[in-house]
Amino acid sequence: MANEWIISHTLKKEPAMKRSIAVLAVAATLASFGALADTGSNQPVSSSNYEYGMPLDVAKVISITPPSNAADCQVGTAHMVYVDHQGQKREIDYREMGNCSQQ
């Protein structure tokens, strides 16, 4: 009986505190859902330049854009968009030899 009185008295006395705790719990839950959301599609992806020996973590290639001078027998800059093993979308520019055909 004494425990029931303490609990009911505490609940009646501090409704503002209960409300604050409930609001904080809801905010924490919503924040955790936001952290789980896929932010890769909403944020711009910056392109980096590949350097020889640089380790790449490629899980899936999305697209490859050949150099603009691909038909020439010259080195040009190609562009690759890929997803790494953590699910992050990445972009990289790299040097590629053009298509040198016998003419």
N, C-alpha and C. Protein backbone atom coordinates (compact mmCIF):
# COMPACT_ATOMS: atom_id res chain seq x y z
N MET A 1 0.82 -1.19 0.00
CA MET A 1 0.00 0.00 0.00
C MET A 1 0.86 1.25 0.00
N ALA A 2 1.93 1.24 0.77
CA ALA A 2 2.81 2.41 0.84
C ALA A 2 3.47 2.66 -0.50
N ASN A 3 3.86 1.57 -1.19
CA ASN A 3 4.49 1.72 -2.50
C ASN A 3 3.53 2.34 -3.52
N GLU A 4 2.27 1.93 -3.47
CA GLU A 4 1.28 2.49 -4.39
C GLU A 4 1.11 3.99 -4.14
N TRP A 5 1.11 4.39 -2.89
CA TRP A 5 0.97 5.80 -2.57
C TRP A 5 2.16 6.59 -3.08
N ILE A 6 3.38 6.06 -2.91
CA ILE A 6 4.59 6.75 -3.37
C ILE A 6 4.57 6.91 -4.89
N ILE A 7 4.19 5.85 -5.59
CA ILE A 7 4.16 5.90 -7.05
C ILE A 7 3.10 6.88 -7.53
N SER A 8 1.89 6.79 -6.98
CA SER A 8 0.82 7.69 -7.43
C SER A 8 1.13 9.13 -7.06
N HIS A 9 1.71 9.35 -5.89
CA HIS A 9 2.07 10.70 -5.47
C HIS A 9 3.16 11.28 -6.38
N THR A 10 4.13 10.47 -6.74
CA THR A 10 5.21 10.92 -7.62
C THR A 10 4.68 11.24 -9.01
N LEU A 11 3.80 10.41 -9.54
CA LEU A 11 3.25 10.64 -10.88
C LEU A 11 2.39 11.90 -10.92
N LYS A 12 1.65 12.15 -9.84
CA LYS A 12 0.81 13.35 -9.79
C LYS A 12 1.65 14.60 -9.63
N LYS A 13 2.76 14.49 -8.92
CA LYS A 13 3.55 15.65 -8.57
C LYS A 13 4.43 16.12 -9.73
N GLU A 14 4.87 15.21 -10.61
CA GLU A 14 5.85 15.58 -11.62
C GLU A 14 5.40 15.26 -13.04
N PRO A 15 4.25 15.78 -13.49
CA PRO A 15 3.82 15.51 -14.85
C PRO A 15 4.71 16.18 -15.89
N ALA A 16 5.27 17.35 -15.55
CA ALA A 16 6.15 18.04 -16.50
C ALA A 16 7.42 17.22 -16.75
N MET A 17 7.92 16.60 -15.70
CA MET A 17 9.12 15.78 -15.85
C MET A 17 8.83 14.55 -16.70
N LYS A 18 7.66 13.94 -16.48
CA LYS A 18 7.27 12.78 -17.29
C LYS A 18 7.16 13.18 -18.76
N ARG A 19 6.58 14.34 -19.01
CA ARG A 19 6.43 14.82 -20.38
C ARG A 19 7.80 15.06 -21.01
N SER A 20 8.72 15.64 -20.26
CA SER A 20 10.06 15.89 -20.78
C SER A 20 10.78 14.59 -21.13
N ILE A 21 10.63 13.61 -20.26
CA ILE A 21 11.26 12.31 -20.52
C ILE A 21 10.65 11.66 -21.75
N ALA A 22 9.34 11.77 -21.90
CA ALA A 22 8.68 11.19 -23.07
C ALA A 22 9.13 11.89 -24.35
N VAL A 23 9.25 13.21 -24.31
CA VAL A 23 9.71 13.96 -25.49
C VAL A 23 11.14 13.56 -25.84
N LEU A 24 12.00 13.44 -24.84
CA LEU A 24 13.38 13.02 -25.10
C LEU A 24 13.44 11.61 -25.68
N ALA A 25 12.61 10.72 -25.19
CA ALA A 25 12.59 9.35 -25.71
C ALA A 25 12.16 9.32 -27.17
N VAL A 26 11.14 10.11 -27.50
CA VAL A 26 10.67 10.17 -28.89
C VAL A 26 11.75 10.79 -29.78
N ALA A 27 12.39 11.84 -29.31
CA ALA A 27 13.44 12.49 -30.09
C ALA A 27 14.62 11.54 -30.33
N ALA A 28 14.99 10.79 -29.30
CA ALA A 28 16.09 9.83 -29.46
C ALA A 28 15.72 8.74 -30.46
N THR A 29 14.48 8.29 -30.41
CA THR A 29 14.03 7.26 -31.36
C THR A 29 14.06 7.79 -32.78
N LEU A 30 13.56 8.99 -32.99
CA LEU A 30 13.56 9.58 -34.34
C LEU A 30 14.98 9.82 -34.83
N ALA A 31 15.87 10.23 -33.94
CA ALA A 31 17.26 10.45 -34.33
C ALA A 31 17.92 9.14 -34.74
N SER A 32 17.59 8.06 -34.05
CA SER A 32 18.19 6.77 -34.41
C SER A 32 17.68 6.30 -35.76
N PHE A 33 16.41 6.57 -36.09
CA PHE A 33 15.91 6.23 -37.41
C PHE A 33 16.58 7.07 -38.48
N GLY A 34 16.85 8.32 -38.19
CA GLY A 34 17.54 9.17 -39.14
C GLY A 34 18.95 8.70 -39.41
N ALA A 35 19.62 8.16 -38.40
CA ALA A 35 20.97 7.64 -38.59
C ALA A 35 20.98 6.40 -39.46
N LEU A 36 19.88 5.64 -39.43
CA LEU A 36 19.81 4.43 -40.23
C LEU A 36 19.40 4.70 -41.67
N ALA A 37 18.88 5.88 -41.94
CA ALA A 37 18.41 6.19 -43.29
C ALA A 37 19.59 6.28 -44.24
N ASP A 38 19.32 6.04 -45.53
CA ASP A 38 20.35 6.12 -46.56
C ASP A 38 20.60 7.57 -46.90
N THR A 39 21.70 8.11 -46.39
CA THR A 39 22.02 9.50 -46.65
C THR A 39 22.85 9.66 -47.91
N GLY A 40 23.32 8.59 -48.48
CA GLY A 40 24.16 8.67 -49.65
C GLY A 40 23.46 9.28 -50.84
N SER A 41 22.18 9.05 -51.00
CA SER A 41 21.46 9.57 -52.16
C SER A 41 21.10 11.04 -52.00
N ASN A 42 21.08 11.56 -50.78
CA ASN A 42 20.69 12.95 -50.56
C ASN A 42 21.86 13.91 -50.55
N GLN A 43 23.04 13.42 -50.27
CA GLN A 43 24.19 14.29 -50.17
C GLN A 43 25.03 14.21 -51.43
N PRO A 44 25.60 15.35 -51.86
CA PRO A 44 26.44 15.32 -53.04
C PRO A 44 27.70 14.49 -52.78
N VAL A 45 28.13 13.81 -53.82
CA VAL A 45 29.32 12.97 -53.71
C VAL A 45 30.46 13.70 -54.39
N SER A 46 31.55 13.91 -53.67
CA SER A 46 32.68 14.58 -54.28
C SER A 46 33.57 13.56 -54.97
N SER A 47 34.10 13.94 -56.10
CA SER A 47 34.94 13.05 -56.88
C SER A 47 36.39 13.22 -56.43
N SER A 48 37.11 12.12 -56.32
CA SER A 48 38.53 12.19 -55.98
C SER A 48 39.34 11.71 -57.17
N ASN A 49 40.60 12.05 -57.18
CA ASN A 49 41.49 11.64 -58.26
C ASN A 49 42.28 10.41 -57.83
N TYR A 50 42.27 9.40 -58.67
CA TYR A 50 42.99 8.17 -58.38
C TYR A 50 44.49 8.42 -58.53
N GLU A 51 45.25 7.87 -57.60
CA GLU A 51 46.71 7.89 -57.68
C GLU A 51 47.19 6.45 -57.67
N TYR A 52 48.28 6.18 -58.36
CA TYR A 52 48.81 4.83 -58.48
C TYR A 52 49.01 4.21 -57.09
N GLY A 53 48.49 3.00 -56.91
CA GLY A 53 48.63 2.28 -55.65
C GLY A 53 47.55 2.60 -54.63
N MET A 54 46.66 3.52 -54.94
CA MET A 54 45.59 3.89 -54.02
C MET A 54 44.63 2.70 -53.87
N PRO A 55 44.34 2.26 -52.65
CA PRO A 55 43.40 1.14 -52.48
C PRO A 55 41.97 1.61 -52.75
N LEU A 56 41.24 0.80 -53.49
CA LEU A 56 39.84 1.09 -53.78
C LEU A 56 38.97 0.00 -53.18
N ASP A 57 37.86 0.39 -52.60
CA ASP A 57 36.90 -0.55 -52.02
C ASP A 57 35.64 -0.49 -52.87
N VAL A 58 35.61 -1.30 -53.92
CA VAL A 58 34.50 -1.27 -54.88
C VAL A 58 33.64 -2.51 -54.69
N ALA A 59 32.41 -2.31 -54.25
CA ALA A 59 31.46 -3.42 -54.13
C ALA A 59 30.63 -3.54 -55.40
N LYS A 60 30.28 -2.38 -56.00
CA LYS A 60 29.44 -2.38 -57.20
C LYS A 60 29.73 -1.13 -58.02
N VAL A 61 29.97 -1.32 -59.32
CA VAL A 61 30.18 -0.20 -60.22
C VAL A 61 28.81 0.26 -60.72
N ILE A 62 28.54 1.55 -60.59
CA ILE A 62 27.28 2.12 -61.06
C ILE A 62 27.42 2.60 -62.50
N SER A 63 28.49 3.34 -62.77
CA SER A 63 28.71 3.81 -64.14
C SER A 63 30.17 4.15 -64.37
N ILE A 64 30.58 4.06 -65.64
CA ILE A 64 31.91 4.48 -66.06
C ILE A 64 31.73 5.38 -67.27
N THR A 65 32.31 6.56 -67.20
CA THR A 65 32.28 7.50 -68.31
C THR A 65 33.68 7.55 -68.91
N PRO A 66 33.84 7.17 -70.17
CA PRO A 66 35.17 7.19 -70.78
C PRO A 66 35.65 8.62 -71.00
N PRO A 67 36.95 8.79 -71.24
CA PRO A 67 37.45 10.14 -71.51
C PRO A 67 36.80 10.72 -72.76
N SER A 68 36.74 12.03 -72.82
CA SER A 68 36.12 12.68 -73.98
C SER A 68 36.92 12.43 -75.26
N ASN A 69 38.21 12.15 -75.11
CA ASN A 69 39.05 11.88 -76.27
C ASN A 69 39.31 10.38 -76.42
N ALA A 70 38.33 9.54 -76.09
CA ALA A 70 38.51 8.09 -76.10
C ALA A 70 38.83 7.55 -77.48
N ALA A 71 38.38 8.21 -78.53
CA ALA A 71 38.65 7.74 -79.89
C ALA A 71 40.08 8.06 -80.32
N ASP A 72 40.72 9.00 -79.66
CA ASP A 72 42.10 9.36 -79.99
C ASP A 72 43.06 8.39 -79.32
N CYS A 73 44.27 8.41 -79.78
CA CYS A 73 45.31 7.57 -79.17
C CYS A 73 46.06 8.43 -78.15
N GLN A 74 45.31 8.94 -77.17
CA GLN A 74 45.87 9.81 -76.14
C GLN A 74 45.33 9.40 -74.78
N VAL A 75 46.02 9.85 -73.75
CA VAL A 75 45.57 9.60 -72.38
C VAL A 75 44.53 10.66 -72.02
N GLY A 76 43.43 10.23 -71.43
CA GLY A 76 42.38 11.15 -71.00
C GLY A 76 41.87 10.77 -69.62
N THR A 77 40.98 11.58 -69.08
CA THR A 77 40.43 11.34 -67.75
C THR A 77 39.07 10.66 -67.86
N ALA A 78 38.97 9.48 -67.27
CA ALA A 78 37.71 8.74 -67.20
C ALA A 78 37.11 8.96 -65.81
N HIS A 79 35.84 8.64 -65.67
CA HIS A 79 35.12 8.87 -64.41
C HIS A 79 34.33 7.62 -64.04
N MET A 80 34.42 7.18 -62.79
CA MET A 80 33.69 6.01 -62.33
C MET A 80 32.88 6.36 -61.09
N VAL A 81 31.64 5.91 -61.07
CA VAL A 81 30.76 6.03 -59.90
C VAL A 81 30.55 4.62 -59.38
N TYR A 82 30.76 4.42 -58.08
CA TYR A 82 30.64 3.09 -57.50
C TYR A 82 30.14 3.16 -56.07
N VAL A 83 29.80 2.00 -55.53
CA VAL A 83 29.38 1.86 -54.14
C VAL A 83 30.42 1.00 -53.44
N ASP A 84 30.87 1.45 -52.25
CA ASP A 84 31.85 0.66 -51.51
C ASP A 84 31.13 -0.38 -50.64
N HIS A 85 31.89 -1.18 -49.91
CA HIS A 85 31.31 -2.27 -49.12
C HIS A 85 30.53 -1.77 -47.90
N GLN A 86 30.64 -0.49 -47.55
CA GLN A 86 29.83 0.07 -46.47
C GLN A 86 28.55 0.70 -47.01
N GLY A 87 28.35 0.62 -48.34
CA GLY A 87 27.14 1.16 -48.94
C GLY A 87 27.22 2.63 -49.31
N GLN A 88 28.40 3.24 -49.19
CA GLN A 88 28.58 4.65 -49.52
C GLN A 88 28.83 4.82 -51.02
N LYS A 89 28.14 5.76 -51.63
CA LYS A 89 28.34 6.05 -53.05
C LYS A 89 29.59 6.91 -53.18
N ARG A 90 30.48 6.54 -54.10
CA ARG A 90 31.74 7.25 -54.30
C ARG A 90 31.97 7.50 -55.78
N GLU A 91 32.79 8.49 -56.07
CA GLU A 91 33.17 8.81 -57.44
C GLU A 91 34.67 9.00 -57.50
N ILE A 92 35.26 8.59 -58.61
CA ILE A 92 36.70 8.74 -58.78
C ILE A 92 37.02 9.03 -60.24
N ASP A 93 37.99 9.89 -60.45
CA ASP A 93 38.51 10.20 -61.77
C ASP A 93 39.85 9.50 -61.91
N TYR A 94 40.09 8.93 -63.07
CA TYR A 94 41.36 8.24 -63.30
C TYR A 94 41.79 8.43 -64.74
N ARG A 95 43.08 8.26 -65.00
CA ARG A 95 43.65 8.43 -66.33
C ARG A 95 43.53 7.12 -67.08
N GLU A 96 43.16 7.22 -68.36
CA GLU A 96 42.96 6.03 -69.18
C GLU A 96 43.45 6.31 -70.60
N MET A 97 44.08 5.31 -71.18
CA MET A 97 44.55 5.43 -72.55
C MET A 97 43.37 5.34 -73.51
N GLY A 98 43.37 6.18 -74.52
CA GLY A 98 42.31 6.16 -75.52
C GLY A 98 42.36 4.89 -76.35
N ASN A 99 41.36 4.68 -77.17
CA ASN A 99 41.25 3.49 -78.01
C ASN A 99 42.11 3.68 -79.25
N CYS A 100 43.31 3.10 -79.23
CA CYS A 100 44.24 3.23 -80.35
C CYS A 100 43.99 2.11 -81.35
N SER A 101 43.30 2.42 -82.41
CA SER A 101 43.06 1.40 -83.44
C SER A 101 44.04 1.62 -84.59
N GLN A 102 44.33 0.55 -85.32
CA GLN A 102 45.22 0.64 -86.48
C GLN A 102 44.51 1.44 -87.56
N GLN A 103 45.13 2.49 -88.04
CA GLN A 103 44.49 3.32 -89.07
C GLN A 103 45.26 3.27 -90.35
